[in-house]
Amino acid sequence: MSLVTVAEVRAMVTTGILDTPLQAIIDREEAIMVQRCGAHYASTSTRNTETLSGGYTKLYLTQKITSIYRVTEDSVVLSQTDGDFRVWELGGCLERLPAGSLWGAVVSVLYVPYDDNERRKAVLVEMVRLALERTAMASESVAGEYSYHAPDWEYERARLLRSLNFRAI
């Protein structure tokens, strides 16, 4: 089920497109969002797993963290209570301790993400709006009386997705 309904999109976006094709656009844009920013928050039992390349003092997850379930570094389970790492929950960041230490080669993190679904809904509506406004032309001019210049569609989509994410998109 989609994060937003056709009715919610229609309340925010003026379009003459029928419900079925509009739902297809919503589904496509939502799939792009999930692929690039991780799964939507579903409940406190939701657990996301991310595997990251180490070698840094801090690692950034794709989402903010509500709580950590398990952190594994090069197949060794680490403990926050033993002082192996620090969690910056609302920053989606894990810092290796002691300060200045580097993470191992491969780090796997199992965590409960922060509930950002309201923000995701707003971004999804804007992504649908962008998809509906998209044209094949970047600019057009007719006899100097009419001029149209379109935004960089991919840049705008990436900008919207970056607002949900801590890593480069």
N, C-alpha and C. Protein backbone atom coordinates (compact mmCIF):
# COMPACT_ATOMS: atom_id res chain seq x y z
N MET A 1 0.84 -1.18 0.00
CA MET A 1 0.00 0.00 0.00
C MET A 1 0.88 1.24 0.00
N SER A 2 0.49 2.21 -0.77
CA SER A 2 1.26 3.44 -0.91
C SER A 2 1.22 4.28 0.36
N LEU A 3 2.25 5.06 0.53
CA LEU A 3 2.33 5.98 1.67
C LEU A 3 1.29 7.09 1.54
N VAL A 4 1.01 7.50 0.30
CA VAL A 4 -0.03 8.51 0.05
C VAL A 4 -1.07 7.93 -0.90
N THR A 5 -2.28 8.41 -0.78
CA THR A 5 -3.37 7.95 -1.64
C THR A 5 -3.53 8.90 -2.83
N VAL A 6 -4.27 8.45 -3.82
CA VAL A 6 -4.58 9.29 -4.97
C VAL A 6 -5.32 10.54 -4.48
N ALA A 7 -6.24 10.38 -3.53
CA ALA A 7 -7.01 11.51 -3.01
C ALA A 7 -6.10 12.54 -2.33
N GLU A 8 -5.10 12.06 -1.58
CA GLU A 8 -4.17 12.98 -0.92
C GLU A 8 -3.35 13.75 -1.94
N VAL A 9 -2.94 13.08 -3.01
CA VAL A 9 -2.18 13.76 -4.07
C VAL A 9 -3.08 14.77 -4.76
N ARG A 10 -4.31 14.39 -5.08
CA ARG A 10 -5.24 15.31 -5.75
C ARG A 10 -5.52 16.55 -4.90
N ALA A 11 -5.50 16.42 -3.59
CA ALA A 11 -5.73 17.56 -2.71
C ALA A 11 -4.59 18.57 -2.80
N MET A 12 -3.41 18.12 -3.19
CA MET A 12 -2.23 18.99 -3.23
C MET A 12 -1.77 19.34 -4.64
N VAL A 13 -2.15 18.51 -5.63
CA VAL A 13 -1.67 18.68 -7.00
C VAL A 13 -2.85 18.73 -7.95
N THR A 14 -2.91 19.76 -8.76
CA THR A 14 -3.97 19.87 -9.76
C THR A 14 -3.55 19.11 -11.01
N THR A 15 -4.36 18.12 -11.38
CA THR A 15 -4.06 17.34 -12.57
C THR A 15 -5.34 16.73 -13.12
N GLY A 16 -5.38 16.53 -14.41
CA GLY A 16 -6.52 15.91 -15.06
C GLY A 16 -6.30 14.43 -15.32
N ILE A 17 -5.18 13.90 -14.87
CA ILE A 17 -4.86 12.50 -15.11
C ILE A 17 -5.83 11.60 -14.31
N LEU A 18 -6.22 10.47 -14.90
CA LEU A 18 -7.15 9.55 -14.25
C LEU A 18 -6.48 8.85 -13.06
N ASP A 19 -7.30 8.26 -12.20
CA ASP A 19 -6.81 7.65 -10.96
C ASP A 19 -5.79 6.53 -11.19
N THR A 20 -6.05 5.63 -12.13
CA THR A 20 -5.15 4.49 -12.34
C THR A 20 -3.76 4.93 -12.80
N PRO A 21 -3.64 5.80 -13.81
CA PRO A 21 -2.30 6.26 -14.18
C PRO A 21 -1.64 7.10 -13.07
N LEU A 22 -2.44 7.85 -12.32
CA LEU A 22 -1.88 8.63 -11.22
C LEU A 22 -1.33 7.70 -10.14
N GLN A 23 -2.04 6.62 -9.85
CA GLN A 23 -1.55 5.66 -8.87
C GLN A 23 -0.25 5.01 -9.36
N ALA A 24 -0.15 4.77 -10.65
CA ALA A 24 1.08 4.19 -11.22
C ALA A 24 2.26 5.15 -11.03
N ILE A 25 2.02 6.45 -11.19
CA ILE A 25 3.07 7.45 -10.98
C ILE A 25 3.46 7.49 -9.51
N ILE A 26 2.47 7.46 -8.63
CA ILE A 26 2.75 7.45 -7.18
C ILE A 26 3.61 6.24 -6.84
N ASP A 27 3.21 5.07 -7.34
CA ASP A 27 3.95 3.84 -7.05
C ASP A 27 5.39 3.90 -7.56
N ARG A 28 5.58 4.44 -8.76
CA ARG A 28 6.94 4.54 -9.34
C ARG A 28 7.81 5.48 -8.52
N GLU A 29 7.29 6.65 -8.18
CA GLU A 29 8.07 7.62 -7.40
C GLU A 29 8.36 7.09 -6.00
N GLU A 30 7.40 6.39 -5.42
CA GLU A 30 7.60 5.81 -4.09
C GLU A 30 8.67 4.71 -4.13
N ALA A 31 8.68 3.91 -5.18
CA ALA A 31 9.70 2.87 -5.32
C ALA A 31 11.09 3.49 -5.41
N ILE A 32 11.21 4.60 -6.11
CA ILE A 32 12.50 5.31 -6.20
C ILE A 32 12.91 5.82 -4.82
N MET A 33 11.95 6.36 -4.07
CA MET A 33 12.23 6.85 -2.72
C MET A 33 12.73 5.72 -1.82
N VAL A 34 12.05 4.59 -1.83
CA VAL A 34 12.45 3.47 -0.98
C VAL A 34 13.81 2.92 -1.39
N GLN A 35 14.05 2.84 -2.69
CA GLN A 35 15.34 2.34 -3.17
C GLN A 35 16.49 3.22 -2.70
N ARG A 36 16.30 4.52 -2.73
CA ARG A 36 17.39 5.45 -2.40
C ARG A 36 17.45 5.85 -0.93
N CYS A 37 16.32 5.77 -0.22
CA CYS A 37 16.29 6.27 1.16
C CYS A 37 15.90 5.21 2.19
N GLY A 38 15.70 3.99 1.76
CA GLY A 38 15.33 2.94 2.70
C GLY A 38 13.82 2.81 2.85
N ALA A 39 13.43 1.73 3.52
CA ALA A 39 12.01 1.42 3.70
C ALA A 39 11.32 2.46 4.58
N HIS A 40 10.02 2.60 4.37
CA HIS A 40 9.23 3.49 5.21
C HIS A 40 9.12 2.90 6.61
N TYR A 41 8.96 3.77 7.57
CA TYR A 41 8.73 3.33 8.94
C TYR A 41 7.35 2.67 8.99
N ALA A 42 7.27 1.49 9.62
CA ALA A 42 5.99 0.80 9.71
C ALA A 42 5.49 0.73 11.16
N SER A 43 6.38 0.43 12.09
CA SER A 43 6.02 0.35 13.50
C SER A 43 7.30 0.27 14.32
N THR A 44 7.15 0.25 15.64
CA THR A 44 8.34 0.15 16.49
C THR A 44 9.04 -1.19 16.34
N SER A 45 8.36 -2.15 15.70
CA SER A 45 9.00 -3.45 15.45
C SER A 45 9.75 -3.47 14.11
N THR A 46 9.67 -2.37 13.36
CA THR A 46 10.40 -2.27 12.09
C THR A 46 11.89 -2.27 12.38
N ARG A 47 12.62 -3.10 11.66
CA ARG A 47 14.08 -3.12 11.81
C ARG A 47 14.68 -3.08 10.42
N ASN A 48 15.56 -2.13 10.22
CA ASN A 48 16.30 -2.01 8.96
C ASN A 48 17.71 -2.53 9.16
N THR A 49 18.24 -3.14 8.12
CA THR A 49 19.63 -3.58 8.15
C THR A 49 20.37 -2.85 7.05
N GLU A 50 21.51 -2.29 7.40
CA GLU A 50 22.39 -1.66 6.42
C GLU A 50 23.79 -2.21 6.59
N THR A 51 24.43 -2.50 5.48
CA THR A 51 25.82 -2.94 5.49
C THR A 51 26.64 -1.84 4.85
N LEU A 52 27.65 -1.38 5.58
CA LEU A 52 28.44 -0.22 5.17
C LEU A 52 29.92 -0.56 5.09
N SER A 53 30.62 0.15 4.25
CA SER A 53 32.08 0.05 4.19
C SER A 53 32.65 0.86 5.33
N GLY A 54 33.58 0.27 6.06
CA GLY A 54 34.19 0.95 7.20
C GLY A 54 35.36 1.82 6.79
N GLY A 55 36.32 1.97 7.72
CA GLY A 55 37.50 2.76 7.45
C GLY A 55 37.38 4.22 7.83
N TYR A 56 36.26 4.58 8.47
CA TYR A 56 36.02 5.96 8.90
C TYR A 56 35.76 6.00 10.40
N THR A 57 35.83 7.15 11.00
CA THR A 57 35.51 7.28 12.42
C THR A 57 34.00 7.30 12.65
N LYS A 58 33.24 7.80 11.64
CA LYS A 58 31.78 7.86 11.73
C LYS A 58 31.17 7.21 10.51
N LEU A 59 30.05 6.54 10.70
CA LEU A 59 29.28 5.96 9.61
C LEU A 59 27.88 6.55 9.64
N TYR A 60 27.36 6.86 8.46
CA TYR A 60 26.04 7.48 8.36
C TYR A 60 25.07 6.51 7.70
N LEU A 61 23.98 6.24 8.40
CA LEU A 61 22.92 5.39 7.87
C LEU A 61 22.02 6.23 6.97
N THR A 62 21.16 5.55 6.21
CA THR A 62 20.28 6.30 5.32
C THR A 62 19.15 6.98 6.07
N GLN A 63 18.88 6.54 7.31
CA GLN A 63 17.78 7.12 8.07
C GLN A 63 18.22 7.46 9.49
N LYS A 64 17.41 8.31 10.12
CA LYS A 64 17.63 8.60 11.53
C LYS A 64 17.35 7.32 12.33
N ILE A 65 17.95 7.24 13.51
CA ILE A 65 17.87 6.03 14.32
C ILE A 65 17.02 6.29 15.56
N THR A 66 16.07 5.39 15.82
CA THR A 66 15.35 5.42 17.09
C THR A 66 16.11 4.59 18.11
N SER A 67 16.53 3.40 17.70
CA SER A 67 17.34 2.56 18.59
C SER A 67 18.15 1.55 17.77
N ILE A 68 19.23 1.09 18.36
CA ILE A 68 20.12 0.11 17.72
C ILE A 68 19.81 -1.27 18.29
N TYR A 69 19.67 -2.24 17.43
CA TYR A 69 19.46 -3.61 17.86
C TYR A 69 20.78 -4.37 17.90
N ARG A 70 21.58 -4.24 16.81
CA ARG A 70 22.87 -4.92 16.76
C ARG A 70 23.80 -4.24 15.77
N VAL A 71 25.09 -4.16 16.13
CA VAL A 71 26.14 -3.65 15.24
C VAL A 71 27.21 -4.73 15.14
N THR A 72 27.52 -5.12 13.91
CA THR A 72 28.54 -6.14 13.66
C THR A 72 29.65 -5.53 12.82
N GLU A 73 30.88 -5.66 13.30
CA GLU A 73 32.04 -5.13 12.60
C GLU A 73 32.95 -6.31 12.26
N ASP A 74 33.14 -6.55 10.95
CA ASP A 74 33.97 -7.67 10.49
C ASP A 74 33.61 -8.96 11.23
N SER A 75 32.30 -9.27 11.28
CA SER A 75 31.73 -10.49 11.89
C SER A 75 31.82 -10.53 13.41
N VAL A 76 32.18 -9.45 14.07
CA VAL A 76 32.24 -9.39 15.53
C VAL A 76 31.13 -8.44 16.01
N VAL A 77 30.29 -8.94 16.92
CA VAL A 77 29.21 -8.12 17.47
C VAL A 77 29.78 -7.13 18.47
N LEU A 78 29.46 -5.85 18.27
CA LEU A 78 29.95 -4.79 19.17
C LEU A 78 28.87 -4.42 20.18
N SER A 79 29.29 -3.76 21.25
CA SER A 79 28.37 -3.36 22.31
C SER A 79 28.47 -1.87 22.59
N GLN A 80 27.34 -1.21 22.56
CA GLN A 80 27.32 0.21 22.91
C GLN A 80 27.59 0.39 24.40
N THR A 81 27.07 -0.50 25.22
CA THR A 81 27.26 -0.37 26.67
C THR A 81 28.72 -0.61 27.07
N ASP A 82 29.47 -1.38 26.27
CA ASP A 82 30.90 -1.60 26.55
C ASP A 82 31.77 -0.48 25.99
N GLY A 83 31.14 0.51 25.35
CA GLY A 83 31.89 1.66 24.84
C GLY A 83 32.55 1.42 23.49
N ASP A 84 32.03 0.48 22.69
CA ASP A 84 32.60 0.23 21.37
C ASP A 84 32.22 1.31 20.35
N PHE A 85 31.03 1.90 20.54
CA PHE A 85 30.57 2.93 19.60
C PHE A 85 29.56 3.83 20.30
N ARG A 86 29.33 4.99 19.69
CA ARG A 86 28.34 5.96 20.17
C ARG A 86 27.32 6.16 19.07
N VAL A 87 26.07 6.32 19.47
CA VAL A 87 24.98 6.52 18.51
C VAL A 87 24.50 7.96 18.57
N TRP A 88 24.43 8.58 17.42
CA TRP A 88 23.84 9.92 17.29
C TRP A 88 22.49 9.68 16.61
N GLU A 89 21.46 9.38 17.42
CA GLU A 89 20.18 8.90 16.92
C GLU A 89 19.59 9.76 15.81
N LEU A 90 19.32 11.01 16.12
CA LEU A 90 18.63 11.85 15.14
C LEU A 90 19.53 12.30 14.00
N GLY A 91 20.79 11.95 14.09
CA GLY A 91 21.70 12.24 12.99
C GLY A 91 21.96 11.01 12.13
N GLY A 92 21.45 9.85 12.56
CA GLY A 92 21.67 8.64 11.78
C GLY A 92 23.14 8.26 11.71
N CYS A 93 23.88 8.54 12.78
CA CYS A 93 25.33 8.39 12.76
C CYS A 93 25.81 7.46 13.87
N LEU A 94 26.80 6.64 13.53
CA LEU A 94 27.49 5.80 14.51
C LEU A 94 28.94 6.23 14.55
N GLU A 95 29.44 6.50 15.73
CA GLU A 95 30.84 6.92 15.89
C GLU A 95 31.60 5.80 16.59
N ARG A 96 32.72 5.39 16.02
CA ARG A 96 33.56 4.33 16.61
C ARG A 96 34.32 4.91 17.79
N LEU A 97 34.34 4.16 18.88
CA LEU A 97 35.07 4.57 20.07
C LEU A 97 36.19 3.56 20.35
N PRO A 98 37.25 3.98 21.01
CA PRO A 98 37.48 5.32 21.53
C PRO A 98 37.64 6.34 20.41
N ALA A 99 37.46 7.60 20.75
CA ALA A 99 37.51 8.69 19.77
C ALA A 99 38.74 8.57 18.89
N GLY A 100 38.53 8.74 17.60
CA GLY A 100 39.62 8.66 16.64
C GLY A 100 39.81 7.28 16.04
N SER A 101 39.17 6.26 16.62
CA SER A 101 39.27 4.89 16.08
C SER A 101 38.50 4.79 14.76
N LEU A 102 38.96 3.90 13.90
CA LEU A 102 38.29 3.68 12.62
C LEU A 102 37.46 2.40 12.68
N TRP A 103 36.35 2.42 11.95
CA TRP A 103 35.53 1.23 11.82
C TRP A 103 36.29 0.20 10.99
N GLY A 104 36.00 -1.08 11.21
CA GLY A 104 36.58 -2.16 10.42
C GLY A 104 36.09 -2.10 8.98
N ALA A 105 36.48 -3.08 8.18
CA ALA A 105 36.19 -3.07 6.74
C ALA A 105 34.70 -3.13 6.42
N VAL A 106 33.95 -3.99 7.12
CA VAL A 106 32.52 -4.16 6.83
C VAL A 106 31.74 -4.05 8.14
N VAL A 107 30.75 -3.16 8.14
CA VAL A 107 29.93 -2.94 9.33
C VAL A 107 28.47 -3.16 8.95
N SER A 108 27.80 -3.99 9.73
CA SER A 108 26.38 -4.26 9.52
C SER A 108 25.62 -3.72 10.72
N VAL A 109 24.57 -2.95 10.44
CA VAL A 109 23.80 -2.31 11.50
C VAL A 109 22.33 -2.71 11.37
N LEU A 110 21.78 -3.24 12.44
CA LEU A 110 20.36 -3.57 12.52
C LEU A 110 19.75 -2.58 13.50
N TYR A 111 18.79 -1.77 13.03
CA TYR A 111 18.28 -0.68 13.85
C TYR A 111 16.80 -0.41 13.59
N VAL A 112 16.19 0.29 14.53
CA VAL A 112 14.81 0.76 14.37
C VAL A 112 14.90 2.19 13.86
N PRO A 113 14.33 2.47 12.68
CA PRO A 113 14.41 3.83 12.14
C PRO A 113 13.44 4.77 12.84
N TYR A 114 13.73 6.05 12.73
CA TYR A 114 12.88 7.12 13.23
C TYR A 114 11.65 7.22 12.32
N ASP A 115 10.50 7.51 12.89
CA ASP A 115 9.26 7.64 12.11
C ASP A 115 9.24 8.99 11.40
N ASP A 116 9.65 8.98 10.13
CA ASP A 116 9.65 10.20 9.33
C ASP A 116 8.61 10.14 8.21
N ASN A 117 7.57 9.35 8.41
CA ASN A 117 6.57 9.15 7.35
C ASN A 117 5.85 10.43 6.94
N GLU A 118 5.61 11.34 7.87
CA GLU A 118 4.94 12.59 7.48
C GLU A 118 5.82 13.40 6.53
N ARG A 119 7.11 13.45 6.81
CA ARG A 119 8.05 14.14 5.92
C ARG A 119 8.12 13.42 4.57
N ARG A 120 8.15 12.09 4.61
CA ARG A 120 8.19 11.30 3.38
C ARG A 120 6.94 11.55 2.53
N LYS A 121 5.78 11.66 3.16
CA LYS A 121 4.56 11.94 2.41
C LYS A 121 4.67 13.26 1.66
N ALA A 122 5.17 14.28 2.34
CA ALA A 122 5.31 15.60 1.71
C ALA A 122 6.28 15.52 0.52
N VAL A 123 7.39 14.82 0.70
CA VAL A 123 8.37 14.69 -0.37
C VAL A 123 7.79 13.88 -1.52
N LEU A 124 7.05 12.82 -1.21
CA LEU A 124 6.45 11.99 -2.26
C LEU A 124 5.45 12.80 -3.10
N VAL A 125 4.64 13.61 -2.45
CA VAL A 125 3.69 14.46 -3.19
C VAL A 125 4.47 15.39 -4.13
N GLU A 126 5.56 15.97 -3.65
CA GLU A 126 6.37 16.85 -4.50
C GLU A 126 7.02 16.09 -5.64
N MET A 127 7.43 14.85 -5.40
CA MET A 127 8.02 14.04 -6.47
C MET A 127 6.97 13.71 -7.53
N VAL A 128 5.74 13.44 -7.11
CA VAL A 128 4.64 13.19 -8.06
C VAL A 128 4.36 14.46 -8.85
N ARG A 129 4.32 15.60 -8.16
CA ARG A 129 4.11 16.89 -8.85
C ARG A 129 5.18 17.10 -9.92
N LEU A 130 6.42 16.84 -9.56
CA LEU A 130 7.53 16.99 -10.49
C LEU A 130 7.37 16.06 -11.69
N ALA A 131 6.98 14.83 -11.44
CA ALA A 131 6.78 13.86 -12.53
C ALA A 131 5.66 14.32 -13.46
N LEU A 132 4.61 14.90 -12.92
CA LEU A 132 3.49 15.37 -13.75
C LEU A 132 3.85 16.61 -14.55
N GLU A 133 4.73 17.45 -14.01
CA GLU A 133 5.11 18.69 -14.69
C GLU A 133 6.21 18.46 -15.72
N ARG A 134 6.87 17.33 -15.64
CA ARG A 134 8.02 17.05 -16.49
C ARG A 134 7.64 17.07 -17.97
N THR A 135 8.46 17.73 -18.75
CA THR A 135 8.28 17.76 -20.20
C THR A 135 9.58 17.31 -20.85
N ALA A 136 9.52 17.03 -22.13
CA ALA A 136 10.71 16.58 -22.84
C ALA A 136 11.65 17.74 -23.17
N MET A 137 11.13 18.96 -23.14
CA MET A 137 11.97 20.10 -23.52
C MET A 137 12.55 20.81 -22.31
N ALA A 138 13.75 21.29 -22.46
CA ALA A 138 14.39 22.05 -21.40
C ALA A 138 14.06 23.53 -21.53
N SER A 139 13.90 23.99 -22.76
CA SER A 139 13.49 25.37 -22.97
C SER A 139 12.83 25.49 -24.33
N GLU A 140 12.04 26.53 -24.46
CA GLU A 140 11.32 26.76 -25.72
C GLU A 140 11.06 28.25 -25.84
N SER A 141 11.12 28.75 -27.06
CA SER A 141 10.81 30.15 -27.31
C SER A 141 10.06 30.24 -28.62
N VAL A 142 8.99 31.02 -28.63
CA VAL A 142 8.18 31.18 -29.83
C VAL A 142 8.17 32.66 -30.20
N ALA A 143 8.87 33.01 -31.26
CA ALA A 143 8.88 34.36 -31.83
C ALA A 143 9.12 35.46 -30.79
N GLY A 144 9.84 35.14 -29.76
CA GLY A 144 10.16 36.15 -28.76
C GLY A 144 8.99 36.56 -27.88
N GLU A 145 7.79 35.99 -28.12
CA GLU A 145 6.61 36.37 -27.34
C GLU A 145 6.34 35.40 -26.20
N TYR A 146 6.82 34.19 -26.34
CA TYR A 146 6.57 33.16 -25.34
C TYR A 146 7.88 32.46 -25.06
N SER A 147 8.16 32.22 -23.81
CA SER A 147 9.39 31.53 -23.45
C SER A 147 9.11 30.58 -22.29
N TYR A 148 9.70 29.40 -22.35
CA TYR A 148 9.53 28.40 -21.30
C TYR A 148 10.89 27.79 -21.02
N HIS A 149 11.22 27.69 -19.74
CA HIS A 149 12.46 27.03 -19.34
C HIS A 149 12.13 26.06 -18.21
N ALA A 150 12.46 24.80 -18.38
CA ALA A 150 12.16 23.77 -17.38
C ALA A 150 13.33 23.60 -16.42
N PRO A 151 13.03 23.15 -15.21
CA PRO A 151 14.11 22.86 -14.28
C PRO A 151 14.87 21.60 -14.70
N ASP A 152 15.99 21.37 -14.08
CA ASP A 152 16.73 20.13 -14.26
C ASP A 152 15.99 19.08 -13.43
N TRP A 153 15.21 18.23 -14.12
CA TRP A 153 14.30 17.30 -13.45
C TRP A 153 15.02 16.36 -12.48
N GLU A 154 16.12 15.78 -12.93
CA GLU A 154 16.85 14.83 -12.07
C GLU A 154 17.47 15.53 -10.87
N TYR A 155 17.96 16.73 -11.06
CA TYR A 155 18.50 17.50 -9.93
C TYR A 155 17.41 17.77 -8.90
N GLU A 156 16.23 18.16 -9.38
CA GLU A 156 15.12 18.46 -8.47
C GLU A 156 14.69 17.22 -7.70
N ARG A 157 14.63 16.05 -8.37
CA ARG A 157 14.27 14.81 -7.69
C ARG A 157 15.33 14.48 -6.64
N ALA A 158 16.60 14.59 -7.01
CA ALA A 158 17.69 14.30 -6.07
C ALA A 158 17.65 15.25 -4.88
N ARG A 159 17.32 16.51 -5.12
CA ARG A 159 17.22 17.49 -4.04
C ARG A 159 16.13 17.09 -3.05
N LEU A 160 15.00 16.65 -3.56
CA LEU A 160 13.91 16.21 -2.70
C LEU A 160 14.32 14.99 -1.88
N LEU A 161 14.97 14.02 -2.52
CA LEU A 161 15.39 12.81 -1.82
C LEU A 161 16.48 13.09 -0.79
N ARG A 162 17.35 14.04 -1.09
CA ARG A 162 18.41 14.40 -0.13
C ARG A 162 17.83 14.93 1.18
N SER A 163 16.65 15.52 1.11
CA SER A 163 16.04 16.06 2.32
C SER A 163 15.63 14.94 3.29
N LEU A 164 15.60 13.70 2.80
CA LEU A 164 15.25 12.55 3.64
C LEU A 164 16.47 11.74 4.05
N ASN A 165 17.61 12.02 3.49
CA ASN A 165 18.73 11.11 3.54
C ASN A 165 19.98 11.79 4.04
N PHE A 166 20.89 11.01 4.62
CA PHE A 166 22.14 11.55 5.12
C PHE A 166 23.30 11.31 4.17
N ARG A 167 23.12 10.34 3.25
CA ARG A 167 24.20 10.03 2.31
C ARG A 167 23.89 10.67 0.97
N ALA A 168 24.92 10.82 0.16
CA ALA A 168 24.76 11.45 -1.16
C ALA A 168 23.83 10.63 -2.04
N ILE A 169 22.97 11.32 -2.78
CA ILE A 169 22.06 10.66 -3.72
C ILE A 169 22.37 11.18 -5.10
